[in-house]
Amino acid sequence: MLPRKHLLAALALTVLGGTAQAADEVVVYSSRIDELIKPVFDAYTKETGVKVKFITDKEAPLMQRIKAEGSNATADLLLTVDAGNLWQAEQMGILQPIKSAVIDANIPAQYRASSHDWTGLSLRARTIAYSTDRVKPAELSTYEALAGKEWEGRLCLRTAKKVYNQSLTATLIETHGAEKTEQIVKGWVNNLSTDVFSDDVAVLKAIEAGQCDVGIVNTYYYGRLHKEQPQLPIKLFWPNQGDRGVHVNLSGIGLTQHAPHKEAAIKLVEWMTGPEAQKLFADVNQEFPANPKVKPSAEVAAWGEFKADSLPVEVAGKRQAEAIRLMDRAGWN
């Protein structure tokens, strides 16, 4: 039998060894698919030796899983898209603040939660796509103008059930108030050329096929389709350049309330907001870096510069429930 002091030393080493081993990994629950996140996590492991394990699913099941796990948490981080989803996670009480001077220095305040519960990692604009065969850029101006009679029977939209459109509508409410926003949304619905689509690619395909002339889409969907079809007769237009700017949303990440590897997780998030990871993450996803010091890829930059809406993106979450009710009243299904 080991002497008592040796036994205590052995136990201490076991505990310390277990702690060190645990710190050598971080677990991420992600609503982004493997191919969009694995290159980033692989680069982090190569640089630091810390393994990043991830589970992918839709955002709602992941958030419910984190809530159900409670203090027996598996996940350290929740990675998802849209400030509306991150806001919901915050309201569910499944996140905790990340106090980090590194993150605060890398990511502008408008792309972070005021509570510090989450931060943006990459940006996407939800903008106007138009047929280069049937629309001249001079005909376009603002999101609001698409409610005008000149666009009757010429507009395509994605379903209101998708958070991207809920967030756009939420920011319109913040800017114009509910009454005017409802008039705008009713105008859009009246101008639809066909039933709403289930995704943005379908909107773009409808424009290409001549079913409609304009639509509202996230930029990276255009980027992916344009990469497959370089001669695609569609371009992006940046609306509202004379006033508030283009609606910008994000993909982001938050620290779970009971993260088992809290410090290691914070280090990963800090790294993901830095130059190397920002470029890699944005390039893989055909998005804009959330860190303004990092330039977008040549392909994304080719779409042209634009003025972005300066509203804090968390407004999309705060106004989400109101936006959903308004869209329903306006007939956007």
Protein backbone atom coordinates (compact mmCIF):
# COMPACT_ATOMS: atom_id res chain seq x y z
CA MET A 1 0.00 0.00 0.00
CA LEU A 2 1.22 3.51 -0.84
CA PRO A 3 2.10 5.80 2.09
CA ARG A 4 -0.62 8.39 2.71
CA LYS A 5 1.42 11.32 1.34
CA HIS A 6 2.19 9.36 -1.86
CA LEU A 7 -1.47 8.40 -2.24
CA LEU A 8 -2.51 12.06 -1.92
CA ALA A 9 0.12 13.08 -4.47
CA ALA A 10 -1.10 10.42 -6.88
CA LEU A 11 -4.68 11.61 -6.46
CA ALA A 12 -3.62 15.21 -7.05
CA LEU A 13 -1.82 14.21 -10.25
CA THR A 14 -4.88 12.32 -11.42
CA VAL A 15 -7.11 15.35 -10.85
CA LEU A 16 -4.63 17.72 -12.49
CA GLY A 17 -4.11 15.32 -15.36
CA GLY A 18 -7.85 15.08 -15.89
CA THR A 19 -8.16 18.86 -15.87
CA ALA A 20 -5.36 19.27 -18.38
CA GLN A 21 -6.87 16.65 -20.63
CA ALA A 22 -10.29 18.30 -20.47
CA ALA A 23 -8.77 21.67 -21.37
CA ASP A 24 -7.34 20.12 -24.54
CA GLU A 25 -10.76 20.03 -26.17
CA VAL A 26 -13.75 22.25 -26.79
CA VAL A 27 -17.23 21.06 -27.77
CA VAL A 28 -19.34 23.14 -30.16
CA TYR A 29 -23.01 22.68 -31.04
CA SER A 30 -23.38 24.17 -34.52
CA SER A 31 -26.31 24.86 -36.82
CA ARG A 32 -23.80 25.44 -39.60
CA ILE A 33 -22.95 22.34 -41.61
CA ASP A 34 -19.65 20.45 -41.36
CA GLU A 35 -18.05 21.79 -44.54
CA LEU A 36 -18.49 25.41 -43.40
CA ILE A 37 -16.88 25.00 -39.98
CA LYS A 38 -14.49 22.04 -40.11
CA PRO A 39 -11.69 23.92 -41.96
CA VAL A 40 -11.73 26.61 -39.25
CA PHE A 41 -11.65 24.17 -36.35
CA ASP A 42 -8.95 22.08 -38.05
CA ALA A 43 -6.80 25.20 -38.38
CA TYR A 44 -7.25 25.95 -34.67
CA THR A 45 -6.28 22.41 -33.67
CA LYS A 46 -3.22 22.57 -35.91
CA GLU A 47 -2.15 25.88 -34.34
CA THR A 48 -2.90 25.12 -30.68
CA GLY A 49 -3.24 21.37 -30.29
CA VAL A 50 -6.72 21.84 -28.81
CA LYS A 51 -9.28 19.52 -30.36
CA VAL A 52 -12.63 20.97 -31.36
CA LYS A 53 -15.48 18.48 -31.35
CA PHE A 54 -18.72 19.58 -32.94
CA ILE A 55 -22.28 18.38 -33.35
CA THR A 56 -24.45 19.82 -36.13
CA ASP A 57 -28.23 20.15 -36.20
CA LYS A 58 -30.91 22.81 -36.69
CA GLU A 59 -30.69 25.68 -34.22
CA ALA A 60 -33.94 24.92 -32.34
CA PRO A 61 -33.06 21.30 -31.42
CA LEU A 62 -29.55 22.36 -30.41
CA MET A 63 -30.86 25.08 -28.10
CA GLN A 64 -33.38 22.69 -26.56
CA ARG A 65 -30.62 20.12 -26.06
CA ILE A 66 -28.43 22.65 -24.24
CA LYS A 67 -31.38 23.63 -22.04
CA ALA A 68 -32.20 19.99 -21.28
CA GLU A 69 -28.59 19.15 -20.39
CA GLY A 70 -28.51 21.95 -17.82
CA SER A 71 -25.56 21.66 -15.44
CA ASN A 72 -24.60 18.34 -17.07
CA ALA A 73 -23.64 20.26 -20.19
CA THR A 74 -21.71 18.71 -23.06
CA ALA A 75 -21.45 21.82 -25.21
CA ASP A 76 -19.13 24.71 -24.47
CA LEU A 77 -20.29 26.88 -27.35
CA LEU A 78 -23.36 27.41 -29.52
CA LEU A 79 -22.61 28.49 -33.09
CA THR A 80 -25.58 29.53 -35.20
CA VAL A 81 -26.82 32.02 -37.77
CA ASP A 82 -28.85 35.20 -37.36
CA ALA A 83 -29.02 37.53 -34.40
CA GLY A 84 -32.64 36.49 -33.96
CA ASN A 85 -31.56 32.94 -33.09
CA LEU A 86 -28.77 34.12 -30.81
CA TRP A 87 -31.21 36.43 -29.05
CA GLN A 88 -33.56 33.49 -28.49
CA ALA A 89 -30.71 31.46 -26.96
CA GLU A 90 -29.93 34.39 -24.68
CA GLN A 91 -33.57 34.66 -23.59
CA MET A 92 -33.69 30.92 -22.87
CA GLY A 93 -30.91 31.43 -20.32
CA ILE A 94 -28.58 28.92 -21.95
CA LEU A 95 -25.71 31.37 -22.52
CA GLN A 96 -23.39 33.29 -20.21
CA PRO A 97 -21.39 36.48 -20.79
CA ILE A 98 -17.94 36.36 -22.33
CA LYS A 99 -15.90 39.21 -20.90
CA SER A 100 -12.99 39.56 -23.29
CA ALA A 101 -11.03 42.64 -24.29
CA VAL A 102 -9.79 40.69 -27.32
CA ILE A 103 -13.29 40.09 -28.67
CA ASP A 104 -14.37 43.65 -27.88
CA ALA A 105 -11.38 44.98 -29.82
CA ASN A 106 -11.95 42.68 -32.81
CA ILE A 107 -15.73 42.90 -33.30
CA PRO A 108 -17.71 46.18 -33.44
CA ALA A 109 -20.31 46.62 -30.69
CA GLN A 110 -23.25 46.55 -33.13
CA TYR A 111 -22.36 42.93 -33.97
CA ARG A 112 -22.20 41.77 -30.34
CA ALA A 113 -24.84 41.29 -27.64
CA SER A 114 -24.97 44.16 -25.17
CA SER A 115 -25.08 41.42 -22.50
CA HIS A 116 -21.83 39.93 -23.91
CA ASP A 117 -23.65 36.58 -24.25
CA TRP A 118 -22.68 36.23 -27.92
CA THR A 119 -20.61 37.78 -30.67
CA GLY A 120 -20.79 37.87 -34.44
CA LEU A 121 -18.21 35.93 -36.44
CA SER A 122 -19.19 36.69 -40.04
CA LEU A 123 -21.61 39.04 -41.76
CA ARG A 124 -24.10 38.63 -44.56
CA ALA A 125 -26.20 41.29 -46.25
CA ARG A 126 -29.85 40.60 -47.03
CA THR A 127 -30.17 42.61 -50.17
CA ILE A 128 -31.93 42.96 -53.51
CA ALA A 129 -31.13 40.59 -56.38
CA TYR A 130 -32.31 41.61 -59.85
CA SER A 131 -32.43 40.29 -63.42
CA THR A 132 -29.82 42.02 -65.57
CA ASP A 133 -32.03 41.28 -68.62
CA ARG A 134 -35.21 42.92 -67.34
CA VAL A 135 -34.19 45.47 -64.70
CA LYS A 136 -31.91 48.49 -64.84
CA PRO A 137 -30.10 49.40 -61.60
CA ALA A 138 -31.52 52.92 -61.87
CA GLU A 139 -35.00 51.45 -61.31
CA LEU A 140 -33.96 50.25 -57.85
CA SER A 141 -33.50 52.31 -54.70
CA THR A 142 -34.75 50.91 -51.37
CA TYR A 143 -36.39 47.90 -49.75
CA GLU A 144 -39.43 50.08 -49.17
CA ALA A 145 -39.71 50.99 -52.87
CA LEU A 146 -40.32 47.33 -53.76
CA ALA A 147 -43.80 47.88 -52.30
CA GLY A 148 -44.57 50.34 -55.14
CA LYS A 149 -47.03 49.59 -57.95
CA GLU A 150 -44.23 49.51 -60.53
CA TRP A 151 -43.13 46.17 -59.05
CA GLU A 152 -46.56 44.54 -59.14
CA GLY A 153 -46.21 40.92 -60.31
CA ARG A 154 -42.41 41.23 -60.42
CA LEU A 155 -41.26 40.35 -56.89
CA CYS A 156 -40.19 37.00 -55.41
CA LEU A 157 -39.76 36.37 -51.68
CA ARG A 158 -38.76 33.56 -49.38
CA THR A 159 -41.22 32.39 -46.75
CA ALA A 160 -41.84 34.54 -43.68
CA LYS A 161 -41.17 31.45 -41.57
CA LYS A 162 -37.42 31.89 -42.09
CA VAL A 163 -35.65 33.96 -39.45
CA TYR A 164 -33.77 35.98 -42.10
CA ASN A 165 -36.98 37.68 -43.22
CA GLN A 166 -38.19 38.04 -39.64
CA SER A 167 -34.98 39.90 -38.80
CA LEU A 168 -35.26 42.19 -41.83
CA THR A 169 -38.83 43.03 -40.84
CA ALA A 170 -37.79 43.57 -37.22
CA THR A 171 -35.25 46.20 -38.28
CA LEU A 172 -37.87 47.90 -40.46
CA ILE A 173 -40.12 48.13 -37.38
CA GLU A 174 -37.25 49.64 -35.40
CA THR A 175 -36.69 52.21 -38.16
CA HIS A 176 -40.23 53.06 -39.29
CA GLY A 177 -42.57 51.82 -36.56
CA ALA A 178 -45.11 49.02 -36.91
CA GLU A 179 -47.79 50.89 -38.89
CA LYS A 180 -45.54 51.98 -41.75
CA THR A 181 -43.70 48.65 -41.81
CA GLU A 182 -47.00 46.79 -42.17
CA GLN A 183 -47.85 48.97 -45.18
CA ILE A 184 -44.47 48.14 -46.72
CA VAL A 185 -44.84 44.40 -46.14
CA LYS A 186 -48.40 44.41 -47.52
CA GLY A 187 -47.02 46.13 -50.61
CA TRP A 188 -44.43 43.39 -51.03
CA VAL A 189 -47.08 40.70 -50.67
CA ASN A 190 -49.31 42.45 -53.23
CA ASN A 191 -46.39 42.58 -55.67
CA LEU A 192 -45.53 38.87 -55.50
CA SER A 193 -45.41 37.17 -58.89
CA THR A 194 -45.81 33.71 -57.37
CA ASP A 195 -46.10 31.91 -54.04
CA VAL A 196 -43.26 32.41 -51.58
CA PHE A 197 -40.28 30.04 -51.81
CA SER A 198 -38.72 27.80 -49.18
CA ASP A 199 -35.18 29.10 -49.70
CA ASP A 200 -33.14 31.91 -51.26
CA VAL A 201 -31.66 29.76 -54.04
CA ALA A 202 -35.20 29.10 -55.28
CA VAL A 203 -35.79 32.88 -55.35
CA LEU A 204 -32.66 33.36 -57.46
CA LYS A 205 -33.62 30.49 -59.78
CA ALA A 206 -37.07 32.07 -60.23
CA ILE A 207 -35.46 35.38 -61.24
CA GLU A 208 -33.22 33.52 -63.69
CA ALA A 209 -36.21 31.65 -65.16
CA GLY A 210 -38.23 34.84 -65.62
CA GLN A 211 -40.84 34.10 -62.96
CA CYS A 212 -39.98 37.42 -61.34
CA ASP A 213 -37.57 40.30 -61.86
CA VAL A 214 -36.37 41.05 -58.33
CA GLY A 215 -36.07 39.33 -54.97
CA ILE A 216 -34.57 39.73 -51.51
CA VAL A 217 -31.79 37.26 -50.65
CA ASN A 218 -28.75 36.71 -48.46
CA THR A 219 -25.56 37.52 -50.32
CA TYR A 220 -23.81 34.17 -49.85
CA TYR A 221 -26.63 32.31 -51.66
CA TYR A 222 -25.95 34.52 -54.65
CA GLY A 223 -22.22 33.88 -54.26
CA ARG A 224 -22.63 30.11 -54.31
CA LEU A 225 -24.93 30.14 -57.34
CA HIS A 226 -22.73 32.61 -59.21
CA LYS A 227 -19.72 30.38 -58.56
CA GLU A 228 -21.57 27.49 -60.22
CA GLN A 229 -22.92 29.72 -63.01
CA PRO A 230 -20.48 32.57 -63.78
CA GLN A 231 -22.78 33.83 -66.55
CA LEU A 232 -25.77 34.05 -64.19
CA PRO A 233 -27.95 36.94 -65.48
CA ILE A 234 -28.50 38.29 -61.97
CA LYS A 235 -26.70 40.94 -59.94
CA LEU A 236 -26.92 42.29 -56.41
CA PHE A 237 -28.11 45.81 -55.64
CA TRP A 238 -27.31 47.62 -52.41
CA PRO A 239 -30.50 49.42 -51.28
CA ASN A 240 -31.00 52.40 -48.97
CA GLN A 241 -27.57 53.89 -49.62
CA GLY A 242 -29.07 57.36 -49.22
CA ASP A 243 -30.38 56.66 -45.73
CA ARG A 244 -29.84 53.86 -43.21
CA GLY A 245 -28.02 51.35 -45.44
CA VAL A 246 -28.26 47.64 -46.22
CA HIS A 247 -29.67 45.19 -43.66
CA VAL A 248 -26.75 43.14 -42.34
CA ASN A 249 -27.03 40.07 -40.16
CA LEU A 250 -24.49 37.54 -38.97
CA SER A 251 -23.42 34.12 -37.91
CA GLY A 252 -22.30 34.13 -34.31
CA ILE A 253 -21.25 32.17 -31.27
CA GLY A 254 -22.11 32.12 -27.58
CA LEU A 255 -20.67 30.51 -24.46
CA THR A 256 -23.10 28.04 -22.87
CA GLN A 257 -24.27 28.65 -19.31
CA HIS A 258 -22.58 25.51 -17.94
CA ALA A 259 -19.64 25.18 -20.35
CA PRO A 260 -17.36 22.35 -19.08
CA HIS A 261 -14.27 23.89 -20.72
CA LYS A 262 -15.03 27.58 -20.22
CA GLU A 263 -11.54 29.07 -20.45
CA ALA A 264 -10.58 26.92 -23.44
CA ALA A 265 -13.85 27.87 -25.14
CA ILE A 266 -13.23 31.60 -24.62
CA LYS A 267 -9.76 31.23 -26.14
CA LEU A 268 -11.31 29.58 -29.21
CA VAL A 269 -13.82 32.42 -29.61
CA GLU A 270 -11.05 35.01 -29.24
CA TRP A 271 -9.07 33.22 -31.95
CA MET A 272 -12.14 33.03 -34.21
CA THR A 273 -12.49 36.83 -34.05
CA GLY A 274 -8.84 37.34 -35.03
CA PRO A 275 -7.42 37.93 -38.53
CA GLU A 276 -6.48 34.38 -39.57
CA ALA A 277 -9.74 32.74 -38.54
CA GLN A 278 -11.88 35.64 -39.75
CA LYS A 279 -10.48 35.36 -43.25
CA LEU A 280 -10.81 31.59 -43.34
CA PHE A 281 -14.33 31.53 -41.87
CA ALA A 282 -15.64 34.28 -44.15
CA ASP A 283 -13.98 32.89 -47.29
CA VAL A 284 -15.32 29.37 -46.76
CA ASN A 285 -18.83 30.74 -46.26
CA GLN A 286 -18.66 33.50 -48.92
CA GLU A 287 -19.48 36.05 -46.24
CA PHE A 288 -17.98 39.29 -44.94
CA PRO A 289 -15.61 39.19 -41.95
CA ALA A 290 -17.14 40.64 -38.77
CA ASN A 291 -13.70 42.01 -37.90
CA PRO A 292 -13.42 45.25 -39.93
CA LYS A 293 -9.62 44.94 -40.09
CA VAL A 294 -9.98 41.83 -42.29
CA LYS A 295 -10.80 42.22 -45.98
CA PRO A 296 -13.38 39.99 -47.70
CA SER A 297 -12.33 37.55 -50.39
CA ALA A 298 -11.81 38.87 -53.93
CA GLU A 299 -15.04 37.17 -55.01
CA VAL A 300 -17.10 38.82 -52.27
CA ALA A 301 -15.34 42.17 -52.74
CA ALA A 302 -16.32 42.06 -56.43
CA TRP A 303 -19.95 42.61 -55.42
CA GLY A 304 -18.98 46.17 -54.52
CA GLU A 305 -18.80 48.25 -51.35
CA PHE A 306 -21.91 49.39 -49.53
CA LYS A 307 -23.12 51.32 -46.52
CA ALA A 308 -24.50 48.92 -43.90
CA ASP A 309 -27.31 49.66 -41.47
CA SER A 310 -25.75 50.77 -38.18
CA LEU A 311 -28.57 49.37 -36.00
CA PRO A 312 -27.32 46.88 -33.39
CA VAL A 313 -28.16 43.45 -34.79
CA GLU A 314 -29.71 42.35 -31.49
CA VAL A 315 -32.70 44.51 -32.49
CA ALA A 316 -33.58 41.61 -34.80
CA GLY A 317 -34.15 39.47 -31.73
CA LYS A 318 -35.84 42.10 -29.57
CA ARG A 319 -38.40 42.82 -32.29
CA GLN A 320 -38.71 39.25 -33.60
CA ALA A 321 -42.06 38.32 -32.02
CA GLU A 322 -43.58 41.62 -33.13
CA ALA A 323 -42.21 41.09 -36.65
CA ILE A 324 -43.73 37.60 -36.90
CA ARG A 325 -47.17 38.89 -35.88
CA LEU A 326 -46.92 41.79 -38.35
CA MET A 327 -45.90 39.53 -41.24
CA ASP A 328 -48.84 37.26 -40.49
CA ARG A 329 -51.28 40.19 -40.50
CA ALA A 330 -49.83 41.38 -43.81
CA GLY A 331 -50.37 37.98 -45.43
CA TRP A 332 -46.71 37.00 -45.77
CA ASN A 333 -46.74 33.30 -45.04
